């Protein structure tokens, strides 16, 4: 069973489940938007992407953001996915992240897009 994120109950009153592909996408989202230190028993989990939104924009910072995100995804989900590309766009108070990855189990390429207002 693949637990859906965010955690919720389904119409039967049970833990909501989802497909394998959607579960992996949910885990990518968790890595992206969890700040290191936020999880008690996994203090290094996440990449703290939202903290980088308020840093000044530059090509160097954009490259650093992509490197941090790609490294965190490889560290935490490397046994499940192969990260093909990461693009990050910060405009005003909106952060857009596009992650292209291949599922190791099925060899299917997936694209996940996330947008957050900060």
PDB file of N, CA and C in Angstrom:
ATOM      1  N   UNK A   1       0.846  -1.176   0.000  1.00  0.00           N
ATOM      2  CA  UNK A   1       0.000   0.000   0.000  1.00  0.00           C
ATOM      3  C   UNK A   1       0.895   1.243   0.000  1.00  0.00           C
ATOM      4  N   UNK A   2       0.564   2.215  -0.819  1.00  0.00           N
ATOM      5  CA  UNK A   2       1.277   3.477  -0.883  1.00  0.00           C
ATOM      6  C   UNK A   2       0.426   4.556  -0.220  1.00  0.00           C
ATOM      7  N   UNK A   3       0.917   5.099   0.878  1.00  0.00           N
ATOM      8  CA  UNK A   3       0.177   6.104   1.637  1.00  0.00           C
ATOM      9  C   UNK A   3       0.208   7.436   0.897  1.00  0.00           C
ATOM     10  N   UNK A   4      -0.961   8.076   0.794  1.00  0.00           N
ATOM     11  CA  UNK A   4      -1.066   9.359   0.109  1.00  0.00           C
ATOM     12  C   UNK A   4      -0.539  10.478   0.997  1.00  0.00           C
ATOM     13  N   UNK A   5      -0.015  11.509   0.364  1.00  0.00           N
ATOM     14  CA  UNK A   5       0.510  12.683   1.065  1.00  0.00           C
ATOM     15  C   UNK A   5      -0.208  13.904   0.523  1.00  0.00           C
ATOM     16  N   UNK A   6      -0.659  14.827   1.325  1.00  0.00           N
ATOM     17  CA  UNK A   6      -0.569  14.791   2.781  1.00  0.00           C
ATOM     18  C   UNK A   6      -1.502  13.730   3.359  1.00  0.00           C
ATOM     19  N   UNK A   7      -1.146  13.271   4.544  1.00  0.00           N
ATOM     20  CA  UNK A   7      -1.886  12.203   5.199  1.00  0.00           C
ATOM     21  C   UNK A   7      -3.342  12.613   5.384  1.00  0.00           C
ATOM     22  N   UNK A   8      -4.240  11.693   5.045  1.00  0.00           N
ATOM     23  CA  UNK A   8      -5.667  11.935   5.209  1.00  0.00           C
ATOM     24  C   UNK A   8      -6.396  10.607   5.257  1.00  0.00           C
ATOM     25  N   UNK A   9      -7.668  10.672   5.570  1.00  0.00           N
ATOM     26  CA  UNK A   9      -8.517   9.479   5.580  1.00  0.00           C
ATOM     27  C   UNK A   9      -9.310   9.436   4.275  1.00  0.00           C
ATOM     28  N   UNK A  10      -9.562   8.234   3.779  1.00  0.00           N
ATOM     29  CA  UNK A  10     -10.387   8.110   2.579  1.00  0.00           C
ATOM     30  C   UNK A  10     -11.862   8.022   2.960  1.00  0.00           C
ATOM     31  N   UNK A  11     -12.723   7.782   1.986  1.00  0.00           N
ATOM     32  CA  UNK A  11     -14.169   7.745   2.221  1.00  0.00           C
ATOM     33  C   UNK A  11     -14.605   6.591   3.120  1.00  0.00           C
ATOM     34  N   UNK A  12     -13.718   5.604   3.307  1.00  0.00           N
ATOM     35  CA  UNK A  12     -14.037   4.463   4.184  1.00  0.00           C
ATOM     36  C   UNK A  12     -13.539   4.664   5.604  1.00  0.00           C
ATOM     37  N   UNK A  13     -12.852   5.789   5.849  1.00  0.00           N
ATOM     38  CA  UNK A  13     -12.306   6.045   7.176  1.00  0.00           C
ATOM     39  C   UNK A  13     -10.947   5.399   7.387  1.00  0.00           C
ATOM     40  N   UNK A  14     -10.325   4.967   6.321  1.00  0.00           N
ATOM     41  CA  UNK A  14      -9.005   4.343   6.384  1.00  0.00           C
ATOM     42  C   UNK A  14      -7.954   5.315   5.854  1.00  0.00           C
ATOM     43  N   UNK A  15      -6.708   4.982   6.090  1.00  0.00           N
ATOM     44  CA  UNK A  15      -5.619   5.783   5.554  1.00  0.00           C
ATOM     45  C   UNK A  15      -5.714   5.792   4.034  1.00  0.00           C
ATOM     46  N   UNK A  16      -5.701   6.979   3.444  1.00  0.00           N
ATOM     47  CA  UNK A  16      -5.825   7.102   1.988  1.00  0.00           C
ATOM     48  C   UNK A  16      -4.578   6.545   1.319  1.00  0.00           C
ATOM     49  N   UNK A  17      -4.793   5.817   0.245  1.00  0.00           N
ATOM     50  CA  UNK A  17      -3.671   5.262  -0.514  1.00  0.00           C
ATOM     51  C   UNK A  17      -3.663   5.870  -1.915  1.00  0.00           C
ATOM     52  N   UNK A  18      -2.583   5.645  -2.617  1.00  0.00           N
ATOM     53  CA  UNK A  18      -2.420   6.204  -3.949  1.00  0.00           C
ATOM     54  C   UNK A  18      -1.603   5.248  -4.803  1.00  0.00           C
ATOM     55  N   UNK A  19      -1.396   5.608  -6.053  1.00  0.00           N
ATOM     56  CA  UNK A  19      -0.607   4.763  -6.949  1.00  0.00           C
ATOM     57  C   UNK A  19       0.876   4.883  -6.600  1.00  0.00           C
ATOM     58  N   UNK A  20       1.665   3.950  -7.106  1.00  0.00           N
ATOM     59  CA  UNK A  20       3.106   3.970  -6.879  1.00  0.00           C
ATOM     60  C   UNK A  20       3.721   5.257  -7.434  1.00  0.00           C
ATOM     61  N   UNK A  21       3.333   5.635  -8.637  1.00  0.00           N
ATOM     62  CA  UNK A  21       3.876   6.826  -9.278  1.00  0.00           C
ATOM     63  C   UNK A  21       3.562   8.094  -8.472  1.00  0.00           C
ATOM     64  N   UNK A  22       2.315   8.196  -8.003  1.00  0.00           N
ATOM     65  CA  UNK A  22       1.925   9.369  -7.224  1.00  0.00           C
ATOM     66  C   UNK A  22       2.613   9.376  -5.857  1.00  0.00           C
ATOM     67  N   UNK A  23       2.824   8.204  -5.296  1.00  0.00           N
ATOM     68  CA  UNK A  23       3.519   8.109  -4.009  1.00  0.00           C
ATOM     69  C   UNK A  23       4.966   8.619  -4.138  1.00  0.00           C
ATOM     70  N   UNK A  24       5.629   8.263  -5.211  1.00  0.00           N
ATOM     71  CA  UNK A  24       6.996   8.739  -5.442  1.00  0.00           C
ATOM     72  C   UNK A  24       6.980  10.262  -5.617  1.00  0.00           C
ATOM     73  N   UNK A  25       6.015  10.783  -6.372  1.00  0.00           N
ATOM     74  CA  UNK A  25       5.894  12.232  -6.556  1.00  0.00           C
ATOM     75  C   UNK A  25       5.697  12.918  -5.205  1.00  0.00           C
ATOM     76  N   UNK A  26       4.869  12.324  -4.355  1.00  0.00           N
ATOM     77  CA  UNK A  26       4.653  12.871  -3.013  1.00  0.00           C
ATOM     78  C   UNK A  26       5.951  12.916  -2.214  1.00  0.00           C
ATOM     79  N   UNK A  27       6.765  11.857  -2.338  1.00  0.00           N
ATOM     80  CA  UNK A  27       8.034  11.829  -1.617  1.00  0.00           C
ATOM     81  C   UNK A  27       9.000  12.887  -2.146  1.00  0.00           C
ATOM     82  N   UNK A  28       8.989  13.129  -3.460  1.00  0.00           N
ATOM     83  CA  UNK A  28       9.813  14.196  -4.033  1.00  0.00           C
ATOM     84  C   UNK A  28       9.398  15.529  -3.416  1.00  0.00           C
ATOM     85  N   UNK A  29       8.104  15.765  -3.323  1.00  0.00           N
ATOM     86  CA  UNK A  29       7.589  17.004  -2.727  1.00  0.00           C
ATOM     87  C   UNK A  29       8.035  17.146  -1.274  1.00  0.00           C
ATOM     88  N   UNK A  30       7.995  16.061  -0.529  1.00  0.00           N
ATOM     89  CA  UNK A  30       8.438  16.110   0.866  1.00  0.00           C
ATOM     90  C   UNK A  30       9.906  16.492   0.983  1.00  0.00           C
ATOM     91  N   UNK A  31      10.752  15.925   0.143  1.00  0.00           N
ATOM     92  CA  UNK A  31      12.179  16.264   0.179  1.00  0.00           C
ATOM     93  C   UNK A  31      12.382  17.735  -0.156  1.00  0.00           C
ATOM     94  N   UNK A  32      11.692  18.220  -1.186  1.00  0.00           N
ATOM     95  CA  UNK A  32      11.870  19.603  -1.628  1.00  0.00           C
ATOM     96  C   UNK A  32      11.494  20.621  -0.561  1.00  0.00           C
ATOM     97  N   UNK A  33      10.375  20.411   0.101  1.00  0.00           N
ATOM     98  CA  UNK A  33       9.823  21.450   0.957  1.00  0.00           C
ATOM     99  C   UNK A  33       9.973  21.189   2.451  1.00  0.00           C
ATOM    100  N   UNK A  34      10.813  20.229   2.802  1.00  0.00           N
ATOM    101  CA  UNK A  34      11.145  20.011   4.207  1.00  0.00           C
ATOM    102  C   UNK A  34      12.500  20.641   4.478  1.00  0.00           C
ATOM    103  N   UNK A  35      12.570  21.416   5.539  1.00  0.00           N
ATOM    104  CA  UNK A  35      13.834  22.064   5.908  1.00  0.00           C
ATOM    105  C   UNK A  35      14.643  21.121   6.790  1.00  0.00           C
ATOM    106  N   UNK A  36      15.954  21.029   6.555  1.00  0.00           N
ATOM    107  CA  UNK A  36      16.785  20.222   7.461  1.00  0.00           C
ATOM    108  C   UNK A  36      16.569  20.699   8.902  1.00  0.00           C
ATOM    109  N   UNK A  37      16.433  19.732   9.805  1.00  0.00           N
ATOM    110  CA  UNK A  37      16.163  20.044  11.203  1.00  0.00           C
ATOM    111  C   UNK A  37      14.691  20.019  11.546  1.00  0.00           C
ATOM    112  N   UNK A  38      13.828  19.934  10.553  1.00  0.00           N
ATOM    113  CA  UNK A  38      12.382  19.940  10.768  1.00  0.00           C
ATOM    114  C   UNK A  38      11.868  18.595  11.290  1.00  0.00           C
ATOM    115  N   UNK A  39      12.544  17.521  10.934  1.00  0.00           N
ATOM    116  CA  UNK A  39      12.138  16.183  11.377  1.00  0.00           C
ATOM    117  C   UNK A  39      13.005  15.754  12.554  1.00  0.00           C
ATOM    118  N   UNK A  40      12.381  15.365  13.610  1.00  0.00           N
ATOM    119  CA  UNK A  40      13.089  15.052  14.852  1.00  0.00           C
ATOM    120  C   UNK A  40      14.069  13.899  14.679  1.00  0.00           C
ATOM    121  N   UNK A  41      13.642  12.803  14.131  1.00  0.00           N
ATOM    122  CA  UNK A  41      14.504  11.625  14.026  1.00  0.00           C
ATOM    123  C   UNK A  41      15.334  11.584  12.745  1.00  0.00           C
ATOM    124  N   UNK A  42      15.155  12.557  11.875  1.00  0.00           N
ATOM    125  CA  UNK A  42      15.950  12.668  10.643  1.00  0.00           C
ATOM    126  C   UNK A  42      16.341  14.131  10.459  1.00  0.00           C
ATOM    127  N   UNK A  43      17.268  14.612  11.264  1.00  0.00           N
ATOM    128  CA  UNK A  43      17.589  16.044  11.235  1.00  0.00           C
ATOM    129  C   UNK A  43      18.213  16.541   9.937  1.00  0.00           C
ATOM    130  N   UNK A  44      18.733  15.658   9.105  1.00  0.00           N
ATOM    131  CA  UNK A  44      19.332  16.099   7.840  1.00  0.00           C
ATOM    132  C   UNK A  44      18.394  15.912   6.651  1.00  0.00           C
ATOM    133  N   UNK A  45      17.177  15.410   6.893  1.00  0.00           N
ATOM    134  CA  UNK A  45      16.226  15.167   5.813  1.00  0.00           C
ATOM    135  C   UNK A  45      15.763  16.485   5.199  1.00  0.00           C
ATOM    136  N   UNK A  46      15.622  16.508   3.887  1.00  0.00           N
ATOM    137  CA  UNK A  46      15.098  17.665   3.173  1.00  0.00           C
ATOM    138  C   UNK A  46      16.201  18.492   2.557  1.00  0.00           C
ATOM    139  N   UNK A  47      15.771  19.538   1.860  1.00  0.00           N
ATOM    140  CA  UNK A  47      16.770  20.407   1.228  1.00  0.00           C
ATOM    141  C   UNK A  47      16.564  21.876   1.568  1.00  0.00           C
ATOM    142  N   UNK A  48      15.505  22.232   2.264  1.00  0.00           N
ATOM    143  CA  UNK A  48      15.321  23.612   2.687  1.00  0.00           C
ATOM    144  C   UNK A  48      15.143  24.580   1.540  1.00  0.00           C
ATOM    145  N   UNK A  49      14.493  24.148   0.495  1.00  0.00           N
ATOM    146  CA  UNK A  49      14.336  24.965  -0.699  1.00  0.00           C
ATOM    147  C   UNK A  49      13.638  26.295  -0.422  1.00  0.00           C
ATOM    148  N   UNK A  50      12.638  26.287   0.435  1.00  0.00           N
ATOM    149  CA  UNK A  50      11.893  27.514   0.706  1.00  0.00           C
ATOM    150  C   UNK A  50      12.758  28.579   1.367  1.00  0.00           C
ATOM    151  N   UNK A  51      13.791  28.181   2.078  1.00  0.00           N
ATOM    152  CA  UNK A  51      14.685  29.146   2.714  1.00  0.00           C
ATOM    153  C   UNK A  51      15.506  29.911   1.681  1.00  0.00           C
ATOM    154  N   UNK A  52      15.713  29.315   0.520  1.00  0.00           N
ATOM    155  CA  UNK A  52      16.525  29.952  -0.512  1.00  0.00           C
ATOM    156  C   UNK A  52      15.753  30.976  -1.333  1.00  0.00           C
ATOM    157  N   UNK A  53      14.439  31.019  -1.174  1.00  0.00           N
ATOM    158  CA  UNK A  53      13.620  31.927  -1.963  1.00  0.00           C
ATOM    159  C   UNK A  53      13.973  33.384  -1.688  1.00  0.00           C
ATOM    160  N   UNK A  54      14.321  33.699  -0.468  1.00  0.00           N
ATOM    161  CA  UNK A  54      14.562  35.084  -0.090  1.00  0.00           C
ATOM    162  C   UNK A  54      15.992  35.539  -0.332  1.00  0.00           C
ATOM    163  N   UNK A  55      16.819  34.644  -0.826  1.00  0.00           N
ATOM    164  CA  UNK A  55      18.188  35.027  -1.181  1.00  0.00           C
ATOM    165  C   UNK A  55      18.145  35.789  -2.502  1.00  0.00           C
ATOM    166  N   UNK A  56      19.086  36.681  -2.718  1.00  0.00           N
ATOM    167  CA  UNK A  56      19.078  37.438  -3.980  1.00  0.00           C
ATOM    168  C   UNK A  56      19.255  36.517  -5.178  1.00  0.00           C
ATOM    169  N   UNK A  57      18.565  36.857  -6.273  1.00  0.00           N
ATOM    170  CA  UNK A  57      18.647  36.032  -7.481  1.00  0.00           C
ATOM    171  C   UNK A  57      19.937  36.299  -8.237  1.00  0.00           C
ATOM    172  N   UNK A  58      20.573  35.243  -8.676  1.00  0.00           N
ATOM    173  CA  UNK A  58      21.753  35.331  -9.521  1.00  0.00           C
ATOM    174  C   UNK A  58      21.933  33.976 -10.192  1.00  0.00           C
ATOM    175  N   UNK A  59      22.740  33.938 -11.231  1.00  0.00           N
ATOM    176  CA  UNK A  59      22.976  32.662 -11.905  1.00  0.00           C
ATOM    177  C   UNK A  59      23.710  31.693 -10.983  1.00  0.00           C
ATOM    178  N   UNK A  60      24.590  32.222 -10.140  1.00  0.00           N
ATOM    179  CA  UNK A  60      25.324  31.369  -9.205  1.00  0.00           C
ATOM    180  C   UNK A  60      24.385  30.737  -8.186  1.00  0.00           C
ATOM    181  N   UNK A  61      23.453  31.559  -7.652  1.00  0.00           N
ATOM    182  CA  UNK A  61      22.504  31.033  -6.672  1.00  0.00           C
ATOM    183  C   UNK A  61      21.559  30.026  -7.315  1.00  0.00           C
ATOM    184  N   UNK A  62      21.132  30.291  -8.528  1.00  0.00           N
ATOM    185  CA  UNK A  62      20.262  29.343  -9.238  1.00  0.00           C
ATOM    186  C   UNK A  62      20.964  28.001  -9.412  1.00  0.00           C
ATOM    187  N   UNK A  63      22.244  28.034  -9.768  1.00  0.00           N
ATOM    188  CA  UNK A  63      23.012  26.797  -9.916  1.00  0.00           C
ATOM    189  C   UNK A  63      23.154  26.084  -8.578  1.00  0.00           C
ATOM    190  N   UNK A  64      23.378  26.854  -7.513  1.00  0.00           N
ATOM    191  CA  UNK A  64      23.499  26.261  -6.176  1.00  0.00           C
ATOM    192  C   UNK A  64      22.191  25.617  -5.745  1.00  0.00           C
ATOM    193  N   UNK A  65      21.066  26.277  -6.006  1.00  0.00           N
ATOM    194  CA  UNK A  65      19.755  25.715  -5.659  1.00  0.00           C
ATOM    195  C   UNK A  65      19.540  24.385  -6.373  1.00  0.00           C
ATOM    196  N   UNK A  66      19.835  24.358  -7.665  1.00  0.00           N
ATOM    197  CA  UNK A  66      19.644  23.133  -8.430  1.00  0.00           C
ATOM    198  C   UNK A  66      20.551  22.014  -7.918  1.00  0.00           C
ATOM    199  N   UNK A  67      21.772  22.351  -7.573  1.00  0.00           N
ATOM    200  CA  UNK A  67      22.720  21.371  -7.040  1.00  0.00           C
ATOM    201  C   UNK A  67      22.226  20.811  -5.706  1.00  0.00           C
ATOM    202  N   UNK A  68      21.757  21.689  -4.824  1.00  0.00           N
ATOM    203  CA  UNK A  68      21.256  21.261  -3.513  1.00  0.00           C
ATOM    204  C   UNK A  68      20.046  20.359  -3.669  1.00  0.00           C
ATOM    205  N   UNK A  69      19.113  20.757  -4.532  1.00  0.00           N
ATOM    206  CA  UNK A  69      17.894  19.964  -4.742  1.00  0.00           C
ATOM    207  C   UNK A  69      18.244  18.611  -5.341  1.00  0.00           C
ATOM    208  N   UNK A  70      19.053  18.602  -6.374  1.00  0.00           N
ATOM    209  CA  UNK A  70      19.409  17.335  -7.018  1.00  0.00           C
ATOM    210  C   UNK A  70      20.156  16.417  -6.042  1.00  0.00           C
ATOM    211  N   UNK A  71      21.053  16.968  -5.260  1.00  0.00           N
ATOM    212  CA  UNK A  71      21.785  16.170  -4.280  1.00  0.00           C
ATOM    213  C   UNK A  71      20.881  15.596  -3.204  1.00  0.00           C
ATOM    214  N   UNK A  72      19.941  16.393  -2.723  1.00  0.00           N
ATOM    215  CA  UNK A  72      19.010  15.907  -1.695  1.00  0.00           C
ATOM    216  C   UNK A  72      18.103  14.813  -2.239  1.00  0.00           C
ATOM    217  N   UNK A  73      17.617  14.998  -3.466  1.00  0.00           N
ATOM    218  CA  UNK A  73      16.770  13.959  -4.061  1.00  0.00           C
ATOM    219  C   UNK A  73      17.548  12.664  -4.251  1.00  0.00           C
ATOM    220  N   UNK A  74      18.791  12.767  -4.693  1.00  0.00           N
ATOM    221  CA  UNK A  74      19.619  11.565  -4.854  1.00  0.00           C
ATOM    222  C   UNK A  74      19.897  10.907  -3.506  1.00  0.00           C
ATOM    223  N   UNK A  75      20.169  11.722  -2.487  1.00  0.00           N
ATOM    224  CA  UNK A  75      20.474  11.169  -1.167  1.00  0.00           C
ATOM    225  C   UNK A  75      19.277  10.428  -0.581  1.00  0.00           C
ATOM    226  N   UNK A  76      18.110  11.036  -0.631  1.00  0.00           N
ATOM    227  CA  UNK A  76      16.953  10.477   0.060  1.00  0.00           C
ATOM    228  C   UNK A  76      16.104   9.545  -0.796  1.00  0.00           C
ATOM    229  N   UNK A  77      16.128   9.718  -2.118  1.00  0.00           N
ATOM    230  CA  UNK A  77      15.285   8.889  -2.979  1.00  0.00           C
ATOM    231  C   UNK A  77      16.073   8.176  -4.072  1.00  0.00           C
ATOM    232  N   UNK A  78      17.388   8.179  -3.975  1.00  0.00           N
ATOM    233  CA  UNK A  78      18.240   7.602  -5.004  1.00  0.00           C
ATOM    234  C   UNK A  78      17.993   6.140  -5.294  1.00  0.00           C
ATOM    235  N   UNK A  79      17.480   5.396  -4.332  1.00  0.00           N
ATOM    236  CA  UNK A  79      17.190   3.987  -4.592  1.00  0.00           C
ATOM    237  C   UNK A  79      15.858   3.810  -5.332  1.00  0.00           C
ATOM    238  N   UNK A  80      15.047   4.874  -5.406  1.00  0.00           N
ATOM    239  CA  UNK A  80      13.746   4.809  -6.068  1.00  0.00           C
ATOM    240  C   UNK A  80      13.713   5.534  -7.406  1.00  0.00           C
ATOM    241  N   UNK A  81      14.505   6.606  -7.525  1.00  0.00           N
ATOM    242  CA  UNK A  81      14.476   7.407  -8.746  1.00  0.00           C
ATOM    243  C   UNK A  81      15.887   7.778  -9.206  1.00  0.00           C
ATOM    244  N   UNK A  82      15.988   8.083 -10.483  1.00  0.00           N
ATOM    245  CA  UNK A  82      17.185   8.683 -11.058  1.00  0.00           C
ATOM    246  C   UNK A  82      16.769  10.085 -11.479  1.00  0.00           C
ATOM    247  N   UNK A  83      17.371  11.102 -10.896  1.00  0.00           N
ATOM    248  CA  UNK A  83      17.022  12.478 -11.224  1.00  0.00           C
ATOM    249  C   UNK A  83      17.666  12.841 -12.558  1.00  0.00           C
ATOM    250  N   UNK A  84      16.839  13.259 -13.511  1.00  0.00           N
ATOM    251  CA  UNK A  84      17.327  13.642 -14.839  1.00  0.00           C
ATOM    252  C   UNK A  84      17.594  15.134 -14.930  1.00  0.00           C
ATOM    253  N   UNK A  85      16.692  15.943 -14.375  1.00  0.00           N
ATOM    254  CA  UNK A  85      16.907  17.386 -14.399  1.00  0.00           C
ATOM    255  C   UNK A  85      16.056  18.066 -13.334  1.00  0.00           C
ATOM    256  N   UNK A  86      16.544  19.219 -12.909  1.00  0.00           N
ATOM    257  CA  UNK A  86      15.838  20.056 -11.938  1.00  0.00           C
ATOM    258  C   UNK A  86      15.920  21.486 -12.448  1.00  0.00           C
ATOM    259  N   UNK A  87      14.778  22.159 -12.527  1.00  0.00           N
ATOM    260  CA  UNK A  87      14.773  23.584 -12.838  1.00  0.00           C
ATOM    261  C   UNK A  87      13.987  24.300 -11.760  1.00  0.00           C
ATOM    262  N   UNK A  88      14.524  25.428 -11.328  1.00  0.00           N
ATOM    263  CA  UNK A  88      13.917  26.206 -10.253  1.00  0.00           C
ATOM    264  C   UNK A  88      13.766  27.636 -10.732  1.00  0.00           C
ATOM    265  N   UNK A  89      12.587  28.181 -10.520  1.00  0.00           N
ATOM    266  CA  UNK A  89      12.314  29.558 -10.906  1.00  0.00           C
ATOM    267  C   UNK A  89      11.689  30.272  -9.714  1.00  0.00           C
ATOM    268  N   UNK A  90      12.281  31.366  -9.333  1.00  0.00           N
ATOM    269  CA  UNK A  90      11.763  32.172  -8.241  1.00  0.00           C
ATOM    270  C   UNK A  90      11.350  33.517  -8.806  1.00  0.00           C
ATOM    271  N   UNK A  91      10.052  33.812  -8.682  1.00  0.00           N
ATOM    272  CA  UNK A  91       9.540  35.065  -9.214  1.00  0.00           C
ATOM    273  C   UNK A  91       8.625  35.685  -8.175  1.00  0.00           C
ATOM    274  N   UNK A  92       9.008  36.885  -7.718  1.00  0.00           N
ATOM    275  CA  UNK A  92       8.305  37.566  -6.636  1.00  0.00           C
ATOM    276  C   UNK A  92       8.213  36.630  -5.437  1.00  0.00           C
ATOM    277  N   UNK A  93       6.997  36.276  -5.024  1.00  0.00           N
ATOM    278  CA  UNK A  93       6.856  35.403  -3.861  1.00  0.00           C
ATOM    279  C   UNK A  93       6.468  33.981  -4.260  1.00  0.00           C
ATOM    280  N   UNK A  94       6.671  33.627  -5.514  1.00  0.00           N
ATOM    281  CA  UNK A  94       6.307  32.298  -6.004  1.00  0.00           C
ATOM    282  C   UNK A  94       7.551  31.511  -6.387  1.00  0.00           C
ATOM    283  N   UNK A  95       7.587  30.278  -5.928  1.00  0.00           N
ATOM    284  CA  UNK A  95       8.682  29.369  -6.258  1.00  0.00           C
ATOM    285  C   UNK A  95       8.111  28.252  -7.120  1.00  0.00           C
ATOM    286  N   UNK A  96       8.719  28.044  -8.298  1.00  0.00           N
ATOM    287  CA  UNK A  96       8.306  26.972  -9.195  1.00  0.00           C
ATOM    288  C   UNK A  96       9.474  26.003  -9.363  1.00  0.00           C
ATOM    289  N   UNK A  97       9.176  24.728  -9.181  1.00  0.00           N
ATOM    290  CA  UNK A  97      10.197  23.692  -9.294  1.00  0.00           C
ATOM    291  C   UNK A  97       9.692  22.637 -10.265  1.00  0.00           C
ATOM    292  N   UNK A  98      10.540  22.258 -11.199  1.00  0.00           N
ATOM    293  CA  UNK A  98      10.223  21.209 -12.158  1.00  0.00           C
ATOM    294  C   UNK A  98      11.302  20.131 -12.027  1.00  0.00           C
ATOM    295  N   UNK A  99      10.875  18.912 -11.715  1.00  0.00           N
ATOM    296  CA  UNK A  99      11.812  17.798 -11.555  1.00  0.00           C
ATOM    297  C   UNK A  99      11.440  16.704 -12.556  1.00  0.00           C
ATOM    298  N   UNK A 100      12.410  16.315 -13.370  1.00  0.00           N
ATOM    299  CA  UNK A 100      12.231  15.202 -14.303  1.00  0.00           C
ATOM    300  C   UNK A 100      13.065  14.049 -13.761  1.00  0.00           C
ATOM    301  N   UNK A 101      12.430  12.908 -13.585  1.00  0.00           N
ATOM    302  CA  UNK A 101      13.115  11.752 -13.009  1.00  0.00           C
ATOM    303  C   UNK A 101      12.610  10.469 -13.641  1.00  0.00           C
ATOM    304  N   UNK A 102      13.401   9.419 -13.487  1.00  0.00           N
ATOM    305  CA  UNK A 102      13.040   8.100 -13.982  1.00  0.00           C
ATOM    306  C   UNK A 102      12.829   7.179 -12.793  1.00  0.00           C
ATOM    307  N   UNK A 103      11.687   6.492 -12.785  1.00  0.00           N
ATOM    308  CA  UNK A 103      11.411   5.516 -11.729  1.00  0.00           C
ATOM    309  C   UNK A 103      12.289   4.295 -11.956  1.00  0.00           C
ATOM    310  N   UNK A 104      13.062   3.927 -10.955  1.00  0.00           N
ATOM    311  CA  UNK A 104      13.963   2.779 -11.113  1.00  0.00           C
ATOM    312  C   UNK A 104      13.191   1.470 -11.289  1.00  0.00           C
ATOM    313  N   UNK A 105      12.062   1.334 -10.617  1.00  0.00           N
ATOM    314  CA  UNK A 105      11.304   0.088 -10.670  1.00  0.00           C
ATOM    315  C   UNK A 105      10.727  -0.178 -12.057  1.00  0.00           C
ATOM    316  N   UNK A 106      10.199   0.870 -12.718  1.00  0.00           N
ATOM    317  CA  UNK A 106       9.507   0.690 -13.993  1.00  0.00           C
ATOM    318  C   UNK A 106      10.235   1.297 -15.183  1.00  0.00           C
ATOM    319  N   UNK A 107      11.291   2.074 -14.928  1.00  0.00           N
ATOM    320  CA  UNK A 107      12.037   2.781 -15.964  1.00  0.00           C
ATOM    321  C   UNK A 107      11.174   3.790 -16.725  1.00  0.00           C
ATOM    322  N   UNK A 108      10.100   4.263 -16.092  1.00  0.00           N
ATOM    323  CA  UNK A 108       9.248   5.290 -16.683  1.00  0.00           C
ATOM    324  C   UNK A 108       9.748   6.665 -16.272  1.00  0.00           C
ATOM    325  N   UNK A 109       9.790   7.571 -17.243  1.00  0.00           N
ATOM    326  CA  UNK A 109      10.183   8.944 -16.924  1.00  0.00           C
ATOM    327  C   UNK A 109       8.962   9.713 -16.461  1.00  0.00           C
ATOM    328  N   UNK A 110       9.137  10.484 -15.411  1.00  0.00           N
ATOM    329  CA  UNK A 110       8.064  11.279 -14.827  1.00  0.00           C
ATOM    330  C   UNK A 110       8.501  12.735 -14.749  1.00  0.00           C
ATOM    331  N   UNK A 111       7.544  13.637 -14.813  1.00  0.00           N
ATOM    332  CA  UNK A 111       7.801  15.050 -14.601  1.00  0.00           C
ATOM    333  C   UNK A 111       6.891  15.522 -13.484  1.00  0.00           C
ATOM    334  N   UNK A 112       7.485  16.127 -12.473  1.00  0.00           N
ATOM    335  CA  UNK A 112       6.713  16.655 -11.344  1.00  0.00           C
ATOM    336  C   UNK A 112       6.929  18.155 -11.282  1.00  0.00           C
ATOM    337  N   UNK A 113       5.827  18.889 -11.209  1.00  0.00           N
ATOM    338  CA  UNK A 113       5.892  20.340 -11.114  1.00  0.00           C
ATOM    339  C   UNK A 113       5.269  20.772  -9.807  1.00  0.00           C
ATOM    340  N   UNK A 114       5.964  21.674  -9.121  1.00  0.00           N
ATOM    341  CA  UNK A 114       5.492  22.165  -7.831  1.00  0.00           C
ATOM    342  C   UNK A 114       5.527  23.688  -7.847  1.00  0.00           C
ATOM    343  N   UNK A 115       4.568  24.289  -7.182  1.00  0.00           N
ATOM    344  CA  UNK A 115       4.546  25.745  -7.071  1.00  0.00           C
ATOM    345  C   UNK A 115       4.138  26.098  -5.648  1.00  0.00           C
ATOM    346  N   UNK A 116       4.892  26.991  -5.037  1.00  0.00           N
ATOM    347  CA  UNK A 116       4.611  27.426  -3.671  1.00  0.00           C
ATOM    348  C   UNK A 116       4.632  28.941  -3.586  1.00  0.00           C
ATOM    349  N   UNK A 117       3.667  29.486  -2.900  1.00  0.00           N
ATOM    350  CA  UNK A 117       3.662  30.907  -2.559  1.00  0.00           C
ATOM    351  C   UNK A 117       4.338  31.038  -1.195  1.00  0.00           C
ATOM    352  N   UNK A 118       5.257  31.965  -1.077  1.00  0.00           N
ATOM    353  CA  UNK A 118       5.937  32.163   0.209  1.00  0.00           C
ATOM    354  C   UNK A 118       5.768  33.572   0.688  1.00  0.00           C
TER     355      UNK A 118
END
